[in-house]
């Protein structure tokens, strides 16, 4: 009989997180306790926020169902390694949709991984090569997890930084947010030595070090890290306004267009319009538009119209001239 109640609850929780229904008698045998004790343990889990559903009858039992909130999970060694490897592989590239929340999850998981499992994760990742990768520069997952931890813990972060012109410097910052543009990760932080807000490309960061010194978060001038990054990028390079209409509903386009391009406005149930500004080269924006899986028309600027037309011609030529068309 298992008399250690916390250990027994963890074992019970691990069993219930398997997607099946567990008869009370089988749980009783697995745990080495009476059915009455199983019922009491089920009630304890419910009090902790785990939505355990019970069915009555001869074939009745218990199963964990979806609730209003996400309760803590109990993972075995293989599951923990699998999740960590997946998160580390994704964090190595600025994959669109892999935002700060994903990196925070990786930071939390690696913080509690036993040394033997952390070694397995590192070994497995080093021994595998993905067939595809993001089109942005590679980033060490450890860099992102250290940054995410300091953002969440309001802890000062020190690192080496290489500017666009190759200049090397050491920075002491109060990290505010990590922002992904779909191709790159950026850190929005308050630079202590320069007494001002700055944005840093994470792929140019090395030797990140959490100092342990806590700080009270400052108020960001724009209120949004994404908006601050957008304005910072506009200041650093010439930007241009664009205007595009799509033969698709706004919700369809919004789910596929990068956030940094803006939010489409519905014209009717079947069409929408996207207007905004960008600092990326027009060829890159043309490619992003072509990837949205719907027809579109570029109204301005003329440079983007030309880039889309040239892209269409190049793709048509690659396909042997079939299906030629322009925007």
C-alpha atoms as a PDB file:
ATOM      1  CA  UNK A   1       0.000   0.000   0.000  1.00  0.00           C
ATOM      2  CA  UNK A   2       1.250   3.487  -0.906  1.00  0.00           C
ATOM      3  CA  UNK A   3       1.038   5.589   2.277  1.00  0.00           C
ATOM      4  CA  UNK A   4       2.851   8.662   0.875  1.00  0.00           C
ATOM      5  CA  UNK A   5      -0.145  10.755  -0.172  1.00  0.00           C
ATOM      6  CA  UNK A   6       1.728  13.339  -2.336  1.00  0.00           C
ATOM      7  CA  UNK A   7       3.580  10.573  -4.194  1.00  0.00           C
ATOM      8  CA  UNK A   8       0.336   8.638  -4.638  1.00  0.00           C
ATOM      9  CA  UNK A   9      -1.447  11.717  -5.994  1.00  0.00           C
ATOM     10  CA  UNK A  10       1.317  12.293  -8.529  1.00  0.00           C
ATOM     11  CA  UNK A  11       1.129   8.672  -9.630  1.00  0.00           C
ATOM     12  CA  UNK A  12      -2.655   8.888  -9.906  1.00  0.00           C
ATOM     13  CA  UNK A  13      -2.391  12.108 -11.897  1.00  0.00           C
ATOM     14  CA  UNK A  14       0.138  10.546 -14.246  1.00  0.00           C
ATOM     15  CA  UNK A  15      -2.254   7.649 -14.904  1.00  0.00           C
ATOM     16  CA  UNK A  16      -5.248   9.920 -15.481  1.00  0.00           C
ATOM     17  CA  UNK A  17      -3.322  12.014 -18.004  1.00  0.00           C
ATOM     18  CA  UNK A  18      -3.242   8.981 -20.270  1.00  0.00           C
ATOM     19  CA  UNK A  19      -6.160   9.499 -22.725  1.00  0.00           C
ATOM     20  CA  UNK A  20      -8.416   6.676 -21.498  1.00  0.00           C
ATOM     21  CA  UNK A  21     -10.945   5.920 -18.786  1.00  0.00           C
ATOM     22  CA  UNK A  22      -9.613   4.138 -15.703  1.00  0.00           C
ATOM     23  CA  UNK A  23     -11.942   1.795 -13.776  1.00  0.00           C
ATOM     24  CA  UNK A  24     -11.826   2.422 -10.046  1.00  0.00           C
ATOM     25  CA  UNK A  25     -10.755  -1.138  -9.379  1.00  0.00           C
ATOM     26  CA  UNK A  26      -7.792  -0.892 -11.743  1.00  0.00           C
ATOM     27  CA  UNK A  27      -6.646   2.373 -10.133  1.00  0.00           C
ATOM     28  CA  UNK A  28      -6.991   0.737  -6.727  1.00  0.00           C
ATOM     29  CA  UNK A  29      -4.738  -2.141  -7.827  1.00  0.00           C
ATOM     30  CA  UNK A  30      -2.190   0.143  -9.477  1.00  0.00           C
ATOM     31  CA  UNK A  31      -1.880   2.346  -6.396  1.00  0.00           C
ATOM     32  CA  UNK A  32      -2.162  -0.421  -3.836  1.00  0.00           C
ATOM     33  CA  UNK A  33      -4.965   1.302  -1.930  1.00  0.00           C
ATOM     34  CA  UNK A  34      -8.685   0.810  -1.383  1.00  0.00           C
ATOM     35  CA  UNK A  35     -11.324   2.164  -3.755  1.00  0.00           C
ATOM     36  CA  UNK A  36     -12.407   4.535  -1.011  1.00  0.00           C
ATOM     37  CA  UNK A  37      -8.883   5.999  -0.904  1.00  0.00           C
ATOM     38  CA  UNK A  38      -8.962   6.372  -4.689  1.00  0.00           C
ATOM     39  CA  UNK A  39     -12.217   8.342  -4.415  1.00  0.00           C
ATOM     40  CA  UNK A  40     -10.685  10.618  -1.756  1.00  0.00           C
ATOM     41  CA  UNK A  41      -7.613  11.157  -3.933  1.00  0.00           C
ATOM     42  CA  UNK A  42      -9.850  12.020  -6.901  1.00  0.00           C
ATOM     43  CA  UNK A  43     -11.583  14.633  -4.736  1.00  0.00           C
ATOM     44  CA  UNK A  44      -8.176  16.070  -3.765  1.00  0.00           C
ATOM     45  CA  UNK A  45      -7.218  16.417  -7.428  1.00  0.00           C
ATOM     46  CA  UNK A  46     -10.499  18.186  -8.149  1.00  0.00           C
ATOM     47  CA  UNK A  47      -9.808  20.622  -5.313  1.00  0.00           C
ATOM     48  CA  UNK A  48      -6.433  21.358  -6.961  1.00  0.00           C
ATOM     49  CA  UNK A  49      -8.176  22.248 -10.215  1.00  0.00           C
ATOM     50  CA  UNK A  50      -7.897  18.995 -12.146  1.00  0.00           C
ATOM     51  CA  UNK A  51     -11.211  18.264 -13.930  1.00  0.00           C
ATOM     52  CA  UNK A  52     -11.667  14.545 -13.247  1.00  0.00           C
ATOM     53  CA  UNK A  53     -14.881  13.119 -14.665  1.00  0.00           C
ATOM     54  CA  UNK A  54     -16.479  10.052 -13.111  1.00  0.00           C
ATOM     55  CA  UNK A  55     -18.939   7.663 -14.769  1.00  0.00           C
ATOM     56  CA  UNK A  56     -21.173   5.357 -12.755  1.00  0.00           C
ATOM     57  CA  UNK A  57     -22.103   1.748 -13.322  1.00  0.00           C
ATOM     58  CA  UNK A  58     -20.323  -1.567 -13.619  1.00  0.00           C
ATOM     59  CA  UNK A  59     -18.106  -0.239 -16.426  1.00  0.00           C
ATOM     60  CA  UNK A  60     -17.691   3.187 -14.858  1.00  0.00           C
ATOM     61  CA  UNK A  61     -14.426   4.853 -14.052  1.00  0.00           C
ATOM     62  CA  UNK A  62     -12.443   8.078 -14.053  1.00  0.00           C
ATOM     63  CA  UNK A  63     -10.867  10.187 -16.759  1.00  0.00           C
ATOM     64  CA  UNK A  64      -9.265  13.610 -16.992  1.00  0.00           C
ATOM     65  CA  UNK A  65     -11.223  16.006 -19.229  1.00  0.00           C
ATOM     66  CA  UNK A  66     -10.711  19.513 -20.519  1.00  0.00           C
ATOM     67  CA  UNK A  67     -11.419  22.209 -17.933  1.00  0.00           C
ATOM     68  CA  UNK A  68     -11.554  25.997 -17.783  1.00  0.00           C
ATOM     69  CA  UNK A  69      -7.849  26.371 -17.028  1.00  0.00           C
ATOM     70  CA  UNK A  70      -4.677  24.479 -17.844  1.00  0.00           C
ATOM     71  CA  UNK A  71      -3.566  22.519 -14.761  1.00  0.00           C
ATOM     72  CA  UNK A  72       0.054  21.447 -14.231  1.00  0.00           C
ATOM     73  CA  UNK A  73       1.055  18.338 -16.144  1.00  0.00           C
ATOM     74  CA  UNK A  74       3.023  15.336 -14.958  1.00  0.00           C
ATOM     75  CA  UNK A  75       5.420  14.115 -17.649  1.00  0.00           C
ATOM     76  CA  UNK A  76       7.469  10.944 -17.707  1.00  0.00           C
ATOM     77  CA  UNK A  77      11.098  11.039 -18.877  1.00  0.00           C
ATOM     78  CA  UNK A  78      10.354  10.240 -22.519  1.00  0.00           C
ATOM     79  CA  UNK A  79       7.574  12.840 -22.753  1.00  0.00           C
ATOM     80  CA  UNK A  80       9.727  15.547 -21.165  1.00  0.00           C
ATOM     81  CA  UNK A  81      12.603  14.851 -23.567  1.00  0.00           C
ATOM     82  CA  UNK A  82      10.269  14.848 -26.583  1.00  0.00           C
ATOM     83  CA  UNK A  83       8.721  18.208 -25.660  1.00  0.00           C
ATOM     84  CA  UNK A  84      12.070  19.820 -24.857  1.00  0.00           C
ATOM     85  CA  UNK A  85      13.605  18.666 -28.150  1.00  0.00           C
ATOM     86  CA  UNK A  86      10.632  20.003 -30.088  1.00  0.00           C
ATOM     87  CA  UNK A  87      10.719  23.371 -28.343  1.00  0.00           C
ATOM     88  CA  UNK A  88      14.486  23.710 -28.723  1.00  0.00           C
ATOM     89  CA  UNK A  89      14.314  22.862 -32.432  1.00  0.00           C
ATOM     90  CA  UNK A  90      11.633  25.491 -32.985  1.00  0.00           C
ATOM     91  CA  UNK A  91      13.324  28.106 -30.827  1.00  0.00           C
ATOM     92  CA  UNK A  92      16.500  27.861 -32.902  1.00  0.00           C
ATOM     93  CA  UNK A  93      14.767  29.718 -35.738  1.00  0.00           C
ATOM     94  CA  UNK A  94      12.466  32.726 -35.717  1.00  0.00           C
ATOM     95  CA  UNK A  95       9.491  30.675 -36.811  1.00  0.00           C
ATOM     96  CA  UNK A  96       6.352  32.750 -37.299  1.00  0.00           C
ATOM     97  CA  UNK A  97       3.829  31.952 -34.596  1.00  0.00           C
ATOM     98  CA  UNK A  98       6.480  30.767 -32.144  1.00  0.00           C
ATOM     99  CA  UNK A  99       6.147  33.736 -29.824  1.00  0.00           C
ATOM    100  CA  UNK A 100       7.449  34.522 -26.365  1.00  0.00           C
ATOM    101  CA  UNK A 101       4.996  32.133 -24.725  1.00  0.00           C
ATOM    102  CA  UNK A 102       6.655  29.171 -26.452  1.00  0.00           C
ATOM    103  CA  UNK A 103      10.091  30.308 -25.349  1.00  0.00           C
ATOM    104  CA  UNK A 104       8.830  30.778 -21.773  1.00  0.00           C
ATOM    105  CA  UNK A 105       7.554  27.196 -21.848  1.00  0.00           C
ATOM    106  CA  UNK A 106      10.987  25.985 -22.931  1.00  0.00           C
ATOM    107  CA  UNK A 107      12.645  28.039 -20.178  1.00  0.00           C
ATOM    108  CA  UNK A 108      10.348  26.571 -17.525  1.00  0.00           C
ATOM    109  CA  UNK A 109      10.847  23.018 -18.733  1.00  0.00           C
ATOM    110  CA  UNK A 110      14.650  23.218 -18.935  1.00  0.00           C
ATOM    111  CA  UNK A 111      14.768  24.807 -15.484  1.00  0.00           C
ATOM    112  CA  UNK A 112      13.337  21.664 -13.887  1.00  0.00           C
ATOM    113  CA  UNK A 113      14.770  18.991 -16.186  1.00  0.00           C
ATOM    114  CA  UNK A 114      17.086  16.617 -14.292  1.00  0.00           C
ATOM    115  CA  UNK A 115      20.683  16.666 -15.471  1.00  0.00           C
ATOM    116  CA  UNK A 116      20.410  13.221 -17.089  1.00  0.00           C
ATOM    117  CA  UNK A 117      17.402  14.343 -19.193  1.00  0.00           C
ATOM    118  CA  UNK A 118      19.002  17.664 -20.107  1.00  0.00           C
ATOM    119  CA  UNK A 119      21.997  15.718 -21.409  1.00  0.00           C
ATOM    120  CA  UNK A 120      19.701  13.481 -23.474  1.00  0.00           C
ATOM    121  CA  UNK A 121      17.954  16.505 -24.991  1.00  0.00           C
ATOM    122  CA  UNK A 122      21.250  18.144 -25.943  1.00  0.00           C
ATOM    123  CA  UNK A 123      22.676  14.919 -27.367  1.00  0.00           C
ATOM    124  CA  UNK A 124      19.564  14.171 -29.419  1.00  0.00           C
ATOM    125  CA  UNK A 125      19.385  17.663 -30.854  1.00  0.00           C
ATOM    126  CA  UNK A 126      23.084  17.647 -31.739  1.00  0.00           C
ATOM    127  CA  UNK A 127      22.707  14.319 -33.528  1.00  0.00           C
ATOM    128  CA  UNK A 128      19.780  15.366 -35.744  1.00  0.00           C
ATOM    129  CA  UNK A 129      19.493  17.743 -38.667  1.00  0.00           C
ATOM    130  CA  UNK A 130      16.095  19.139 -39.740  1.00  0.00           C
ATOM    131  CA  UNK A 131      15.138  18.762 -43.401  1.00  0.00           C
ATOM    132  CA  UNK A 132      13.693  22.262 -43.408  1.00  0.00           C
ATOM    133  CA  UNK A 133      14.538  25.350 -41.398  1.00  0.00           C
ATOM    134  CA  UNK A 134      13.363  28.911 -41.030  1.00  0.00           C
ATOM    135  CA  UNK A 135      14.658  31.596 -43.370  1.00  0.00           C
ATOM    136  CA  UNK A 136      16.022  33.642 -40.502  1.00  0.00           C
ATOM    137  CA  UNK A 137      19.393  33.257 -38.783  1.00  0.00           C
ATOM    138  CA  UNK A 138      19.841  30.387 -36.352  1.00  0.00           C
ATOM    139  CA  UNK A 139      19.784  31.137 -32.632  1.00  0.00           C
ATOM    140  CA  UNK A 140      21.025  29.003 -29.769  1.00  0.00           C
ATOM    141  CA  UNK A 141      17.956  27.907 -27.770  1.00  0.00           C
ATOM    142  CA  UNK A 142      19.886  28.619 -24.562  1.00  0.00           C
ATOM    143  CA  UNK A 143      20.093  32.295 -25.552  1.00  0.00           C
ATOM    144  CA  UNK A 144      16.326  32.555 -25.877  1.00  0.00           C
ATOM    145  CA  UNK A 145      15.609  30.661 -22.665  1.00  0.00           C
ATOM    146  CA  UNK A 146      17.983  32.822 -20.618  1.00  0.00           C
ATOM    147  CA  UNK A 147      16.355  35.952 -22.046  1.00  0.00           C
ATOM    148  CA  UNK A 148      12.842  34.640 -21.473  1.00  0.00           C
ATOM    149  CA  UNK A 149      13.673  33.795 -17.864  1.00  0.00           C
ATOM    150  CA  UNK A 150      15.009  37.301 -17.173  1.00  0.00           C
ATOM    151  CA  UNK A 151      11.967  38.878 -18.828  1.00  0.00           C
ATOM    152  CA  UNK A 152       9.595  36.820 -16.688  1.00  0.00           C
ATOM    153  CA  UNK A 153      11.601  37.304 -13.499  1.00  0.00           C
ATOM    154  CA  UNK A 154      12.357  41.046 -13.989  1.00  0.00           C
ATOM    155  CA  UNK A 155      16.056  40.259 -13.735  1.00  0.00           C
ATOM    156  CA  UNK A 156      18.832  42.349 -15.273  1.00  0.00           C
ATOM    157  CA  UNK A 157      20.527  40.748 -18.254  1.00  0.00           C
ATOM    158  CA  UNK A 158      24.123  41.214 -19.382  1.00  0.00           C
ATOM    159  CA  UNK A 159      25.357  40.114 -22.826  1.00  0.00           C
ATOM    160  CA  UNK A 160      27.839  40.745 -25.615  1.00  0.00           C
ATOM    161  CA  UNK A 161      26.391  42.398 -28.708  1.00  0.00           C
ATOM    162  CA  UNK A 162      27.602  42.740 -32.289  1.00  0.00           C
ATOM    163  CA  UNK A 163      26.102  45.708 -34.162  1.00  0.00           C
ATOM    164  CA  UNK A 164      25.295  45.705 -37.882  1.00  0.00           C
ATOM    165  CA  UNK A 165      28.672  47.317 -38.660  1.00  0.00           C
ATOM    166  CA  UNK A 166      30.523  44.643 -36.675  1.00  0.00           C
ATOM    167  CA  UNK A 167      31.172  46.779 -33.589  1.00  0.00           C
ATOM    168  CA  UNK A 168      31.377  44.668 -30.418  1.00  0.00           C
ATOM    169  CA  UNK A 169      30.050  45.909 -27.075  1.00  0.00           C
ATOM    170  CA  UNK A 170      28.893  44.695 -23.660  1.00  0.00           C
ATOM    171  CA  UNK A 171      25.366  45.592 -22.601  1.00  0.00           C
ATOM    172  CA  UNK A 172      23.620  45.651 -19.243  1.00  0.00           C
ATOM    173  CA  UNK A 173      19.859  45.770 -19.706  1.00  0.00           C
ATOM    174  CA  UNK A 174      16.478  45.499 -18.093  1.00  0.00           C
ATOM    175  CA  UNK A 175      14.765  43.089 -20.525  1.00  0.00           C
ATOM    176  CA  UNK A 176      11.148  43.908 -21.317  1.00  0.00           C
ATOM    177  CA  UNK A 177       9.906  41.539 -24.036  1.00  0.00           C
ATOM    178  CA  UNK A 178      11.029  39.138 -26.746  1.00  0.00           C
ATOM    179  CA  UNK A 179       9.384  39.815 -30.113  1.00  0.00           C
ATOM    180  CA  UNK A 180       9.380  37.563 -33.181  1.00  0.00           C
ATOM    181  CA  UNK A 181       8.862  39.089 -36.633  1.00  0.00           C
ATOM    182  CA  UNK A 182       8.618  35.717 -38.348  1.00  0.00           C
ATOM    183  CA  UNK A 183      12.235  35.761 -39.536  1.00  0.00           C
ATOM    184  CA  UNK A 184      14.103  37.090 -36.523  1.00  0.00           C
ATOM    185  CA  UNK A 185      13.863  37.421 -32.770  1.00  0.00           C
ATOM    186  CA  UNK A 186      14.359  40.815 -31.127  1.00  0.00           C
ATOM    187  CA  UNK A 187      14.811  41.808 -27.500  1.00  0.00           C
ATOM    188  CA  UNK A 188      13.197  45.054 -26.389  1.00  0.00           C
ATOM    189  CA  UNK A 189      15.059  46.246 -23.294  1.00  0.00           C
ATOM    190  CA  UNK A 190      16.133  49.298 -21.329  1.00  0.00           C
ATOM    191  CA  UNK A 191      19.872  49.839 -21.774  1.00  0.00           C
ATOM    192  CA  UNK A 192      21.308  50.830 -18.380  1.00  0.00           C
ATOM    193  CA  UNK A 193      24.552  52.364 -19.667  1.00  0.00           C
ATOM    194  CA  UNK A 194      22.832  54.358 -22.429  1.00  0.00           C
ATOM    195  CA  UNK A 195      19.895  55.315 -20.203  1.00  0.00           C
ATOM    196  CA  UNK A 196      17.377  54.634 -22.971  1.00  0.00           C
ATOM    197  CA  UNK A 197      15.239  51.957 -24.588  1.00  0.00           C
ATOM    198  CA  UNK A 198      16.862  49.790 -27.249  1.00  0.00           C
ATOM    199  CA  UNK A 199      16.061  46.846 -29.515  1.00  0.00           C
ATOM    200  CA  UNK A 200      18.583  44.044 -30.044  1.00  0.00           C
ATOM    201  CA  UNK A 201      18.636  41.358 -32.704  1.00  0.00           C
ATOM    202  CA  UNK A 202      18.928  38.136 -30.737  1.00  0.00           C
ATOM    203  CA  UNK A 203      21.075  36.423 -33.386  1.00  0.00           C
ATOM    204  CA  UNK A 204      23.718  39.106 -32.679  1.00  0.00           C
ATOM    205  CA  UNK A 205      23.684  38.407 -28.938  1.00  0.00           C
ATOM    206  CA  UNK A 206      26.262  36.150 -27.288  1.00  0.00           C
ATOM    207  CA  UNK A 207      27.183  35.198 -23.737  1.00  0.00           C
ATOM    208  CA  UNK A 208      23.792  36.104 -22.182  1.00  0.00           C
ATOM    209  CA  UNK A 209      24.043  36.164 -18.407  1.00  0.00           C
ATOM    210  CA  UNK A 210      21.277  36.594 -15.850  1.00  0.00           C
ATOM    211  CA  UNK A 211      22.810  38.814 -13.171  1.00  0.00           C
ATOM    212  CA  UNK A 212      20.343  37.956 -10.415  1.00  0.00           C
ATOM    213  CA  UNK A 213      19.658  41.674  -9.797  1.00  0.00           C
ATOM    214  CA  UNK A 214      15.922  42.382  -9.787  1.00  0.00           C
ATOM    215  CA  UNK A 215      14.336  45.555 -11.141  1.00  0.00           C
ATOM    216  CA  UNK A 216      10.950  47.257 -11.251  1.00  0.00           C
ATOM    217  CA  UNK A 217       9.749  47.238 -14.887  1.00  0.00           C
ATOM    218  CA  UNK A 218       9.747  50.659 -16.537  1.00  0.00           C
ATOM    219  CA  UNK A 219       6.881  51.917 -18.672  1.00  0.00           C
ATOM    220  CA  UNK A 220       7.585  51.420 -22.351  1.00  0.00           C
ATOM    221  CA  UNK A 221       6.995  54.653 -24.339  1.00  0.00           C
ATOM    222  CA  UNK A 222       4.695  52.979 -26.887  1.00  0.00           C
ATOM    223  CA  UNK A 223       2.957  50.634 -24.462  1.00  0.00           C
ATOM    224  CA  UNK A 224       3.549  47.678 -26.790  1.00  0.00           C
ATOM    225  CA  UNK A 225       6.870  45.948 -27.440  1.00  0.00           C
ATOM    226  CA  UNK A 226       5.777  45.025 -30.970  1.00  0.00           C
ATOM    227  CA  UNK A 227       4.867  48.635 -31.733  1.00  0.00           C
ATOM    228  CA  UNK A 228       8.138  49.898 -30.260  1.00  0.00           C
ATOM    229  CA  UNK A 229      10.059  47.441 -32.440  1.00  0.00           C
ATOM    230  CA  UNK A 230       8.115  48.508 -35.533  1.00  0.00           C
ATOM    231  CA  UNK A 231       8.895  52.190 -34.912  1.00  0.00           C
ATOM    232  CA  UNK A 232      12.524  51.387 -34.152  1.00  0.00           C
ATOM    233  CA  UNK A 233      12.895  49.513 -37.433  1.00  0.00           C
ATOM    234  CA  UNK A 234      11.299  52.376 -39.330  1.00  0.00           C
ATOM    235  CA  UNK A 235      13.823  54.796 -37.830  1.00  0.00           C
ATOM    236  CA  UNK A 236      16.727  52.556 -38.792  1.00  0.00           C
ATOM    237  CA  UNK A 237      15.814  52.116 -42.443  1.00  0.00           C
ATOM    238  CA  UNK A 238      13.598  53.803 -45.041  1.00  0.00           C
ATOM    239  CA  UNK A 239      10.030  52.555 -44.976  1.00  0.00           C
ATOM    240  CA  UNK A 240       7.244  52.684 -47.524  1.00  0.00           C
ATOM    241  CA  UNK A 241       3.466  52.570 -47.396  1.00  0.00           C
ATOM    242  CA  UNK A 242       1.649  49.734 -49.128  1.00  0.00           C
ATOM    243  CA  UNK A 243      -1.941  49.086 -50.132  1.00  0.00           C
ATOM    244  CA  UNK A 244      -3.177  45.606 -51.084  1.00  0.00           C
ATOM    245  CA  UNK A 245      -6.631  44.083 -51.581  1.00  0.00           C
ATOM    246  CA  UNK A 246      -7.311  40.358 -51.237  1.00  0.00           C
ATOM    247  CA  UNK A 247     -10.015  38.150 -52.744  1.00  0.00           C
ATOM    248  CA  UNK A 248     -10.554  36.496 -49.366  1.00  0.00           C
ATOM    249  CA  UNK A 249     -12.283  37.300 -46.062  1.00  0.00           C
ATOM    250  CA  UNK A 250     -10.388  39.399 -43.539  1.00  0.00           C
ATOM    251  CA  UNK A 251     -10.214  36.560 -41.004  1.00  0.00           C
ATOM    252  CA  UNK A 252      -8.628  34.270 -43.623  1.00  0.00           C
ATOM    253  CA  UNK A 253      -5.919  36.802 -44.463  1.00  0.00           C
ATOM    254  CA  UNK A 254      -5.364  37.812 -40.821  1.00  0.00           C
ATOM    255  CA  UNK A 255      -4.596  34.181 -39.917  1.00  0.00           C
ATOM    256  CA  UNK A 256      -1.876  34.022 -42.569  1.00  0.00           C
ATOM    257  CA  UNK A 257      -0.337  37.485 -42.832  1.00  0.00           C
ATOM    258  CA  UNK A 258       2.574  38.309 -40.466  1.00  0.00           C
ATOM    259  CA  UNK A 259       1.516  40.654 -37.668  1.00  0.00           C
ATOM    260  CA  UNK A 260       4.232  43.118 -38.588  1.00  0.00           C
ATOM    261  CA  UNK A 261       2.471  43.792 -41.902  1.00  0.00           C
ATOM    262  CA  UNK A 262      -0.689  44.935 -40.144  1.00  0.00           C
ATOM    263  CA  UNK A 263      -4.327  43.900 -39.769  1.00  0.00           C
ATOM    264  CA  UNK A 264      -6.589  43.517 -42.835  1.00  0.00           C
ATOM    265  CA  UNK A 265      -9.840  45.504 -42.948  1.00  0.00           C
ATOM    266  CA  UNK A 266     -12.936  43.760 -44.357  1.00  0.00           C
ATOM    267  CA  UNK A 267     -14.475  45.320 -47.471  1.00  0.00           C
ATOM    268  CA  UNK A 268     -17.266  42.732 -47.590  1.00  0.00           C
ATOM    269  CA  UNK A 269     -17.701  39.077 -46.708  1.00  0.00           C
ATOM    270  CA  UNK A 270     -15.364  37.936 -49.488  1.00  0.00           C
ATOM    271  CA  UNK A 271     -12.706  40.666 -49.787  1.00  0.00           C
ATOM    272  CA  UNK A 272     -10.470  42.736 -47.529  1.00  0.00           C
ATOM    273  CA  UNK A 273      -7.817  45.441 -47.699  1.00  0.00           C
ATOM    274  CA  UNK A 274      -4.410  45.678 -46.032  1.00  0.00           C
ATOM    275  CA  UNK A 275      -2.724  49.045 -45.671  1.00  0.00           C
ATOM    276  CA  UNK A 276       0.382  49.770 -43.663  1.00  0.00           C
ATOM    277  CA  UNK A 277       4.088  50.454 -43.801  1.00  0.00           C
ATOM    278  CA  UNK A 278       7.120  48.194 -44.055  1.00  0.00           C
ATOM    279  CA  UNK A 279      10.864  48.542 -43.896  1.00  0.00           C
ATOM    280  CA  UNK A 280      11.738  45.187 -45.428  1.00  0.00           C
ATOM    281  CA  UNK A 281      12.897  44.951 -49.029  1.00  0.00           C
ATOM    282  CA  UNK A 282       9.942  44.868 -51.429  1.00  0.00           C
ATOM    283  CA  UNK A 283      10.976  41.466 -52.803  1.00  0.00           C
ATOM    284  CA  UNK A 284      10.493  39.927 -49.366  1.00  0.00           C
ATOM    285  CA  UNK A 285       7.058  41.531 -48.908  1.00  0.00           C
ATOM    286  CA  UNK A 286       6.075  40.347 -52.414  1.00  0.00           C
ATOM    287  CA  UNK A 287       7.033  36.797 -51.456  1.00  0.00           C
ATOM    288  CA  UNK A 288       5.049  36.969 -48.220  1.00  0.00           C
ATOM    289  CA  UNK A 289       1.966  38.154 -50.095  1.00  0.00           C
ATOM    290  CA  UNK A 290       2.329  35.356 -52.637  1.00  0.00           C
ATOM    291  CA  UNK A 291       2.356  32.806 -49.798  1.00  0.00           C
ATOM    292  CA  UNK A 292      -1.115  33.765 -48.529  1.00  0.00           C
ATOM    293  CA  UNK A 293      -2.956  31.244 -50.750  1.00  0.00           C
ATOM    294  CA  UNK A 294      -5.434  33.720 -52.232  1.00  0.00           C
ATOM    295  CA  UNK A 295      -5.620  36.190 -55.123  1.00  0.00           C
ATOM    296  CA  UNK A 296      -4.566  39.767 -54.403  1.00  0.00           C
ATOM    297  CA  UNK A 297      -3.899  43.088 -56.118  1.00  0.00           C
ATOM    298  CA  UNK A 298      -1.119  45.492 -55.099  1.00  0.00           C
ATOM    299  CA  UNK A 299      -2.138  49.148 -55.521  1.00  0.00           C
ATOM    300  CA  UNK A 300       0.989  50.806 -54.157  1.00  0.00           C
ATOM    301  CA  UNK A 301       3.856  51.433 -53.996  1.00  0.00           C
ATOM    302  CA  UNK A 302       5.034  51.071 -57.584  1.00  0.00           C
ATOM    303  CA  UNK A 303       8.165  49.260 -56.389  1.00  0.00           C
ATOM    304  CA  UNK A 304       6.063  46.545 -54.746  1.00  0.00           C
ATOM    305  CA  UNK A 305       3.881  46.225 -57.851  1.00  0.00           C
ATOM    306  CA  UNK A 306       7.029  45.673 -59.908  1.00  0.00           C
ATOM    307  CA  UNK A 307       8.429  43.175 -57.410  1.00  0.00           C
ATOM    308  CA  UNK A 308       5.205  41.114 -57.481  1.00  0.00           C
ATOM    309  CA  UNK A 309       5.125  41.200 -61.289  1.00  0.00           C
ATOM    310  CA  UNK A 310       8.761  40.065 -61.523  1.00  0.00           C
ATOM    311  CA  UNK A 311       8.150  37.314 -58.954  1.00  0.00           C
ATOM    312  CA  UNK A 312       5.143  36.083 -60.923  1.00  0.00           C
ATOM    313  CA  UNK A 313       7.129  36.066 -64.169  1.00  0.00           C
ATOM    314  CA  UNK A 314      10.000  34.205 -62.527  1.00  0.00           C
ATOM    315  CA  UNK A 315       7.691  31.556 -61.085  1.00  0.00           C
ATOM    316  CA  UNK A 316       5.857  31.225 -64.394  1.00  0.00           C
ATOM    317  CA  UNK A 317       9.139  30.728 -66.199  1.00  0.00           C
ATOM    318  CA  UNK A 318      10.178  28.114 -63.650  1.00  0.00           C
ATOM    319  CA  UNK A 319       6.942  26.244 -64.390  1.00  0.00           C
ATOM    320  CA  UNK A 320       7.668  26.244 -68.136  1.00  0.00           C
ATOM    321  CA  UNK A 321       5.549  29.283 -68.883  1.00  0.00           C
ATOM    322  CA  UNK A 322       2.254  27.677 -67.800  1.00  0.00           C
ATOM    323  CA  UNK A 323      -0.224  29.731 -65.818  1.00  0.00           C
ATOM    324  CA  UNK A 324       1.495  33.066 -66.390  1.00  0.00           C
ATOM    325  CA  UNK A 325      -0.166  36.051 -64.819  1.00  0.00           C
ATOM    326  CA  UNK A 326       0.575  39.248 -62.981  1.00  0.00           C
ATOM    327  CA  UNK A 327      -0.624  41.329 -60.077  1.00  0.00           C
END
